[in-house]
Amino acid sequence: MSEKVLFDTQHLYYLPQYLPVAALLKARGVTCEFVLYREEALDSVKEKAVSDAGFEYVYLEDKGSGFDFYRHSSAQWIVFGNVPPFSAQQKSSIPARLALMQHGIGPKACYYDVSEFPFDVRFVEGQERLKRLSQRFPDKQFIDTGFAKLDPVFNNQQSNINLTDLGLDPGKPTVLYAPTFFPSSIEHFGADWPASLADYNLIVKPHFFCLTKSKYTAHRERFDKWAQFDNVWVAGVADYNLLPFMQLADVMLSDASSAIFEFAALNKPVVWCDFYQTRWSYKGLLKFRLKQRLDPDIALFHKLTKRTSAAKYIAPAVADCLNNPESKQEARQELVKNMVGKTDGQCGARIAAYLTEHI
């Protein structure tokens, strides 16, 4: 029987985490196939990304059909980026072993909660997270491999885009704004906000939920306003991979996103937008829901970043980071070691080795 690994790709943004590992498995002679789910606005982007990387894909119409598909699969491993589309009780009917490569490394409680599912192994990022997960789930198997998504950067693979391609000025410093979708800082920036950063290039990389879901129409209207400024480029749905923009940027702005840990791993300064727009169901007596959504790991941002409490403080914070890029460098390196893990460019290789050795 030929060796086969399936990558369960519930969302487009799982691909930057999966593709480096799939390429290494393929080099070991393992057949890799991507299991995609229908997302009307994104299907063509996913198909192109997977095909360009040299892999086959198959579609499931919805998550409800996942159990029957995997129950009849001949794969030895199925890799997930989140909770599988079937219950823990149904797992015993799946012939393959199940691995988790969490799609992000951010400060949301789901990072830890997802391990309540009985995966056969979870690949994790750093000794601190390994310790926390092992304490909470002492009977589970966790392997500290590092975050494979970042391997291309640490292997010195050059970005496939440049500032000129984006219509920006290569002579200016570049700021990357990479907010999450909820809770987000987007609503706190006015339509003319880019004017306050006129001395810099501003790349806006929205979460793809902001670009595709109807509830975030206001976000898209704000992005359209910003895109009219000469110093601004706003990423679209097809620009799903954050890495090329991280490589171009000198400073990053973000809020409750795992992008903060990722950018800090490149030893570049981060400005934390510690101000959020929340829904009414997360306010007042219900504000405990926001605390439940955000893991205490978010407190580490205080050590890792230059914190701002309102949009009006962003411009001076950016200027300070550019003038003093070495500030917080020691804290960045220490926290990256604990929360991101190894940055040797071999994270995917460790994952691929484990999967092939345990087929």
Protein backbone atom coordinates (compact mmCIF):
# COMPACT_ATOMS: atom_id res chain seq x y z
CA MET A 1 0.00 0.00 0.00
CA SER A 2 1.39 3.38 -0.99
CA GLU A 3 1.96 5.97 1.72
CA LYS A 4 -0.62 8.76 1.73
CA VAL A 5 -1.30 11.84 3.85
CA LEU A 6 -4.42 14.00 3.60
CA PHE A 7 -4.48 17.67 4.62
CA ASP A 8 -7.89 18.77 5.86
CA THR A 9 -8.12 22.37 4.63
CA GLN A 10 -11.19 23.92 6.18
CA HIS A 11 -10.04 27.42 5.25
CA LEU A 12 -7.73 29.04 2.73
CA TYR A 13 -5.37 30.39 5.36
CA TYR A 14 -4.35 26.86 6.44
CA LEU A 15 -2.29 26.48 3.26
CA PRO A 16 0.85 28.43 4.33
CA GLN A 17 1.14 26.07 7.31
CA TYR A 18 0.49 22.91 5.31
CA LEU A 19 2.38 23.43 2.06
CA PRO A 20 5.97 23.35 3.42
CA VAL A 21 5.22 20.04 5.15
CA ALA A 22 3.47 18.55 2.12
CA ALA A 23 6.47 19.42 -0.08
CA LEU A 24 8.82 17.60 2.29
CA LEU A 25 6.54 14.57 2.47
CA LYS A 26 6.37 14.48 -1.32
CA ALA A 27 10.19 14.50 -1.44
CA ARG A 28 10.07 11.39 0.80
CA GLY A 29 7.82 9.62 -1.70
CA VAL A 30 4.56 10.17 0.19
CA THR A 31 1.40 11.01 -1.77
CA CYS A 32 -0.24 14.14 -0.40
CA GLU A 33 -3.76 15.28 -1.18
CA PHE A 34 -5.63 18.35 0.01
CA VAL A 35 -9.22 18.05 1.18
CA LEU A 36 -11.00 21.32 0.45
CA TYR A 37 -14.38 22.68 1.50
CA ARG A 38 -16.57 24.81 -0.72
CA GLU A 39 -16.15 28.55 -0.11
CA GLU A 40 -17.55 30.29 -3.15
CA ALA A 41 -15.33 33.36 -3.10
CA LEU A 42 -12.18 31.38 -2.39
CA ASP A 43 -12.37 28.12 -4.31
CA SER A 44 -10.39 29.30 -7.32
CA VAL A 45 -7.65 30.70 -5.09
CA LYS A 46 -7.30 27.44 -3.18
CA GLU A 47 -7.30 25.37 -6.36
CA LYS A 48 -4.56 27.47 -7.92
CA ALA A 49 -2.39 27.45 -4.78
CA VAL A 50 -2.59 23.68 -4.37
CA SER A 51 -2.14 22.93 -8.08
CA ASP A 52 0.80 25.35 -8.43
CA ALA A 53 2.49 23.54 -5.55
CA GLY A 54 2.09 20.25 -7.44
CA PHE A 55 -0.64 18.56 -5.40
CA GLU A 56 -4.05 17.04 -6.06
CA TYR A 57 -7.18 18.11 -4.25
CA VAL A 58 -10.69 16.86 -3.62
CA TYR A 59 -13.75 18.81 -2.48
CA LEU A 60 -16.20 18.05 0.30
CA GLU A 61 -19.49 19.89 -0.05
CA ASP A 62 -19.63 20.65 3.66
CA LYS A 63 -18.20 19.55 6.98
CA GLY A 64 -21.08 17.14 7.47
CA SER A 65 -19.72 14.90 4.73
CA GLY A 66 -16.26 14.70 6.33
CA PHE A 67 -16.92 11.61 8.43
CA ASP A 68 -18.04 9.41 5.54
CA PHE A 69 -15.15 10.60 3.38
CA TYR A 70 -12.47 9.93 5.96
CA ARG A 71 -14.09 6.64 7.06
CA HIS A 72 -13.49 5.25 3.57
CA SER A 73 -10.08 6.85 3.01
CA SER A 74 -6.94 4.77 2.44
CA ALA A 75 -4.63 7.44 3.92
CA GLN A 76 -2.34 6.57 6.83
CA TRP A 77 -2.44 10.10 8.28
CA ILE A 78 -4.90 12.99 8.16
CA VAL A 79 -3.52 16.37 9.18
CA PHE A 80 -5.94 18.93 10.62
CA GLY A 81 -5.57 22.63 11.34
CA ASN A 82 -8.49 22.68 13.76
CA VAL A 83 -11.17 20.39 15.18
CA PRO A 84 -12.08 17.63 12.67
CA PRO A 85 -15.48 17.60 10.94
CA PHE A 86 -16.60 14.59 13.00
CA SER A 87 -16.96 13.80 16.67
CA ALA A 88 -14.49 12.26 19.07
CA GLN A 89 -16.81 9.24 19.29
CA GLN A 90 -16.62 8.77 15.52
CA LYS A 91 -12.81 8.79 15.52
CA SER A 92 -12.63 5.04 16.14
CA SER A 93 -14.25 4.46 12.73
CA ILE A 94 -11.52 6.42 10.92
CA PRO A 95 -8.73 4.04 9.80
CA ALA A 96 -6.08 6.78 9.54
CA ARG A 97 -4.17 8.32 12.40
CA LEU A 98 -4.96 11.97 13.09
CA ALA A 99 -2.46 14.82 13.56
CA LEU A 100 -3.02 18.44 14.50
CA MET A 101 -0.98 21.33 13.12
CA GLN A 102 -2.90 24.27 14.58
CA HIS A 103 -3.39 26.89 11.87
CA GLY A 104 -2.28 29.75 14.13
CA ILE A 105 -0.21 30.44 17.23
CA GLY A 106 -2.19 33.36 18.60
CA PRO A 107 -3.58 34.34 22.00
CA LYS A 108 -7.05 32.83 21.60
CA ALA A 109 -8.33 30.17 23.95
CA CYS A 110 -9.07 27.85 21.03
CA TYR A 111 -5.32 27.28 20.65
CA TYR A 112 -5.48 25.10 23.77
CA ASP A 113 -9.14 23.99 23.70
CA VAL A 114 -8.78 22.20 20.37
CA SER A 115 -6.63 19.54 22.06
CA GLU A 116 -9.70 18.26 23.86
CA PHE A 117 -10.22 16.21 20.69
CA PRO A 118 -8.30 12.89 20.83
CA PHE A 119 -5.73 13.48 18.10
CA ASP A 120 -3.01 10.84 17.87
CA VAL A 121 -0.38 13.57 17.92
CA ARG A 122 -0.22 17.34 18.01
CA PHE A 123 2.76 19.29 16.70
CA VAL A 124 3.32 22.34 18.90
CA GLU A 125 5.45 25.46 18.99
CA GLY A 126 7.88 26.00 21.82
CA GLN A 127 8.56 24.61 25.27
CA GLU A 128 6.13 26.87 27.13
CA ARG A 129 3.19 25.76 25.04
CA LEU A 130 4.36 22.18 25.20
CA LYS A 131 4.36 22.44 28.99
CA ARG A 132 0.93 24.05 29.21
CA LEU A 133 -0.67 21.55 26.86
CA SER A 134 0.99 18.60 28.61
CA GLN A 135 -0.24 19.81 31.98
CA ARG A 136 -3.79 20.28 30.76
CA PHE A 137 -3.90 17.06 28.71
CA PRO A 138 -1.42 14.69 30.36
CA ASP A 139 -2.58 11.68 28.34
CA LYS A 140 -2.11 13.32 24.92
CA GLN A 141 0.90 13.14 22.62
CA PHE A 142 2.59 16.50 21.91
CA ILE A 143 5.76 17.04 19.88
CA ASP A 144 7.62 20.37 19.89
CA THR A 145 8.50 20.90 16.24
CA GLY A 146 8.13 24.66 15.80
CA PHE A 147 5.84 26.51 13.42
CA ALA A 148 6.30 25.20 9.87
CA LYS A 149 4.64 28.22 8.29
CA LEU A 150 7.74 30.31 9.01
CA ASP A 151 10.24 27.86 7.49
CA PRO A 152 10.46 29.66 4.11
CA VAL A 153 11.59 32.87 5.84
CA PHE A 154 14.28 31.15 7.90
CA ASN A 155 15.43 29.24 4.84
CA ASN A 156 15.97 32.62 3.13
CA GLN A 157 13.38 32.04 0.44
CA GLN A 158 12.79 35.44 -1.08
CA SER A 159 9.35 37.01 -1.26
CA ASN A 160 7.73 36.69 -4.67
CA ILE A 161 6.59 40.33 -4.54
CA ASN A 162 8.29 43.67 -3.97
CA LEU A 163 7.18 47.18 -3.06
CA THR A 164 7.33 48.37 -6.64
CA ASP A 165 4.94 45.59 -7.66
CA LEU A 166 2.49 46.98 -5.13
CA GLY A 167 2.84 50.55 -6.37
CA LEU A 168 4.67 51.61 -3.21
CA ASP A 169 7.89 53.57 -2.71
CA PRO A 170 10.98 51.38 -2.07
CA GLY A 171 12.66 54.41 -0.48
CA LYS A 172 10.14 54.58 2.38
CA PRO A 173 9.92 52.41 5.49
CA THR A 174 7.05 49.95 5.31
CA VAL A 175 4.34 49.37 7.89
CA LEU A 176 2.22 46.21 7.79
CA TYR A 177 -1.24 46.34 9.39
CA ALA A 178 -2.51 42.78 9.94
CA PRO A 179 -5.64 42.84 12.10
CA THR A 180 -7.78 39.88 13.00
CA PHE A 181 -11.52 39.84 12.28
CA PHE A 182 -12.84 39.78 15.87
CA PRO A 183 -12.14 41.35 18.25
CA SER A 184 -10.55 43.85 15.90
CA SER A 185 -9.08 47.35 15.94
CA ILE A 186 -10.23 48.15 12.39
CA GLU A 187 -13.29 50.19 13.38
CA HIS A 188 -11.15 52.52 15.50
CA PHE A 189 -9.22 53.83 12.48
CA GLY A 190 -10.92 56.58 10.50
CA ALA A 191 -11.28 56.74 6.74
CA ASP A 192 -8.37 59.22 6.55
CA TRP A 193 -6.06 57.28 8.87
CA PRO A 194 -3.36 56.61 6.20
CA ALA A 195 -2.71 60.36 6.03
CA SER A 196 -1.11 60.12 9.48
CA LEU A 197 1.38 57.60 8.04
CA ALA A 198 2.17 59.53 4.87
CA ASP A 199 5.92 59.11 5.42
CA TYR A 200 5.59 55.34 5.22
CA ASN A 201 4.27 52.65 2.92
CA LEU A 202 1.22 51.02 4.49
CA ILE A 203 0.34 47.45 3.56
CA VAL A 204 -3.05 46.36 4.90
CA LYS A 205 -3.45 42.58 5.15
CA PRO A 206 -7.00 41.81 6.35
CA HIS A 207 -8.09 38.48 7.71
CA PHE A 208 -9.97 36.76 4.92
CA PHE A 209 -13.19 36.67 6.98
CA CYS A 210 -13.14 40.48 6.76
CA LEU A 211 -13.02 40.18 2.97
CA THR A 212 -15.62 37.48 2.49
CA LYS A 213 -18.27 37.42 5.23
CA SER A 214 -21.33 39.66 4.99
CA LYS A 215 -21.14 40.71 8.64
CA TYR A 216 -17.85 42.52 7.90
CA THR A 217 -19.12 44.78 5.11
CA ALA A 218 -18.10 47.83 7.16
CA HIS A 219 -14.53 46.54 7.24
CA ARG A 220 -14.42 46.32 3.45
CA GLU A 221 -15.81 49.83 3.10
CA ARG A 222 -13.02 51.08 5.36
CA PHE A 223 -10.38 49.23 3.34
CA ASP A 224 -11.73 50.76 0.12
CA LYS A 225 -11.30 54.24 1.61
CA TRP A 226 -7.72 53.52 2.67
CA ALA A 227 -6.82 52.06 -0.71
CA GLN A 228 -7.37 55.48 -2.29
CA PHE A 229 -4.23 56.82 -0.61
CA ASP A 230 -1.02 56.70 -2.66
CA ASN A 231 0.99 55.17 0.19
CA VAL A 232 -1.45 52.28 0.77
CA TRP A 233 -1.85 48.83 -0.72
CA VAL A 234 -4.67 46.57 0.50
CA ALA A 235 -4.32 42.82 0.06
CA GLY A 236 -7.18 40.90 -1.52
CA VAL A 237 -8.52 37.39 -1.16
CA ALA A 238 -5.87 35.95 -3.48
CA ASP A 239 -3.11 37.37 -1.24
CA TYR A 240 -3.79 34.78 1.44
CA ASN A 241 -0.22 34.28 2.63
CA LEU A 242 1.02 36.82 5.17
CA LEU A 243 4.68 35.80 4.87
CA PRO A 244 5.64 37.86 1.78
CA PHE A 245 4.28 40.99 3.43
CA MET A 246 6.07 40.25 6.68
CA GLN A 247 9.30 40.05 4.71
CA LEU A 248 8.67 43.47 3.14
CA ALA A 249 7.68 45.25 6.34
CA ASP A 250 9.86 47.06 8.86
CA VAL A 251 7.14 47.35 11.52
CA MET A 252 3.86 45.54 12.02
CA LEU A 253 0.60 46.72 13.59
CA SER A 254 -1.86 44.16 14.89
CA ASP A 255 -4.41 43.52 17.63
CA ALA A 256 -5.38 40.03 18.84
CA SER A 257 -3.74 38.15 15.99
CA SER A 258 -1.21 35.34 15.99
CA ALA A 259 0.61 37.48 13.42
CA ILE A 260 2.21 39.32 16.34
CA PHE A 261 4.11 36.20 17.43
CA GLU A 262 4.98 35.40 13.81
CA PHE A 263 6.39 38.85 13.04
CA ALA A 264 8.28 38.99 16.34
CA ALA A 265 9.95 35.72 15.33
CA LEU A 266 11.60 37.67 12.51
CA ASN A 267 13.09 39.95 15.21
CA LYS A 268 11.19 42.98 13.94
CA PRO A 269 9.26 45.48 16.11
CA VAL A 270 5.50 45.22 16.60
CA VAL A 271 2.99 47.87 17.61
CA TRP A 272 0.10 46.34 19.53
CA CYS A 273 -3.28 47.94 18.85
CA ASP A 274 -4.74 47.19 22.27
CA PHE A 275 -8.15 48.67 21.48
CA TYR A 276 -10.98 46.63 20.05
CA GLN A 277 -14.46 46.92 18.64
CA THR A 278 -16.63 44.30 20.31
CA ARG A 279 -20.19 43.15 19.69
CA TRP A 280 -22.95 44.00 22.16
CA SER A 281 -22.94 40.34 23.21
CA TYR A 282 -19.38 40.84 24.50
CA LYS A 283 -19.99 44.07 26.44
CA GLY A 284 -21.19 45.05 29.89
CA LEU A 285 -22.27 42.06 31.94
CA LEU A 286 -21.29 39.83 29.03
CA LYS A 287 -17.69 41.06 28.74
CA PHE A 288 -16.56 37.79 30.33
CA ARG A 289 -17.10 36.25 26.88
CA LEU A 290 -14.25 38.32 25.48
CA LYS A 291 -11.97 37.13 28.26
CA GLN A 292 -12.96 33.57 27.46
CA ARG A 293 -12.17 34.10 23.78
CA LEU A 294 -8.74 35.61 24.48
CA ASP A 295 -6.29 33.37 26.31
CA PRO A 296 -4.06 34.88 29.04
CA ASP A 297 -1.20 34.53 26.52
CA ILE A 298 -2.28 37.93 25.21
CA ALA A 299 -0.65 39.45 28.30
CA LEU A 300 2.69 38.50 26.75
CA PHE A 301 2.11 41.20 24.15
CA HIS A 302 3.02 43.73 26.84
CA LYS A 303 6.58 42.39 26.88
CA LEU A 304 6.80 41.71 23.17
CA THR A 305 5.40 44.89 21.63
CA LYS A 306 5.01 48.63 21.89
CA ARG A 307 1.48 48.93 23.23
CA THR A 308 -0.97 51.62 22.10
CA SER A 309 -4.37 52.28 23.66
CA ALA A 310 -5.92 54.37 20.86
CA ALA A 311 -5.51 55.00 17.15
CA LYS A 312 -4.06 58.47 17.74
CA TYR A 313 -0.95 56.93 19.28
CA ILE A 314 -0.10 54.73 16.29
CA ALA A 315 1.99 57.22 14.27
CA PRO A 316 4.35 58.13 17.16
CA ALA A 317 4.62 54.46 18.12
CA VAL A 318 5.64 53.53 14.58
CA ALA A 319 8.23 56.30 14.53
CA ASP A 320 9.67 55.11 17.83
CA CYS A 321 9.91 51.52 16.59
CA LEU A 322 11.72 52.60 13.44
CA ASN A 323 14.14 54.78 15.40
CA ASN A 324 14.75 52.07 18.02
CA PRO A 325 14.25 48.68 16.33
CA GLU A 326 16.43 46.97 18.91
CA SER A 327 14.05 47.93 21.74
CA LYS A 328 12.47 44.82 23.29
CA GLN A 329 14.76 42.64 21.17
CA GLU A 330 15.82 40.53 24.14
CA ALA A 331 12.22 40.02 25.23
CA ARG A 332 11.21 39.18 21.66
CA GLN A 333 13.83 36.50 21.37
CA GLU A 334 12.95 34.94 24.72
CA LEU A 335 9.22 34.89 24.08
CA VAL A 336 9.65 33.61 20.55
CA LYS A 337 11.66 30.70 21.92
CA ASN A 338 8.81 29.83 24.29
CA MET A 339 5.75 30.64 22.15
CA VAL A 340 6.91 30.04 18.56
CA GLY A 341 9.64 27.52 19.17
CA LYS A 342 12.52 26.60 16.91
CA THR A 343 13.36 29.07 14.13
CA ASP A 344 15.91 26.97 12.24
CA GLY A 345 13.83 26.45 9.10
CA GLN A 346 13.48 22.74 9.87
CA CYS A 347 10.06 22.67 11.55
CA GLY A 348 8.37 21.11 8.53
CA ALA A 349 11.17 18.57 8.24
CA ARG A 350 10.57 17.43 11.83
CA ILE A 351 6.85 17.05 11.16
CA ALA A 352 7.42 15.18 7.90
CA ALA A 353 9.92 12.87 9.60
CA TYR A 354 7.49 12.03 12.40
CA LEU A 355 4.62 11.30 10.02
CA THR A 356 6.68 9.02 7.77
CA GLU A 357 8.34 7.23 10.66
CA HIS A 358 4.96 6.49 12.22
CA ILE A 359 3.12 5.29 9.12
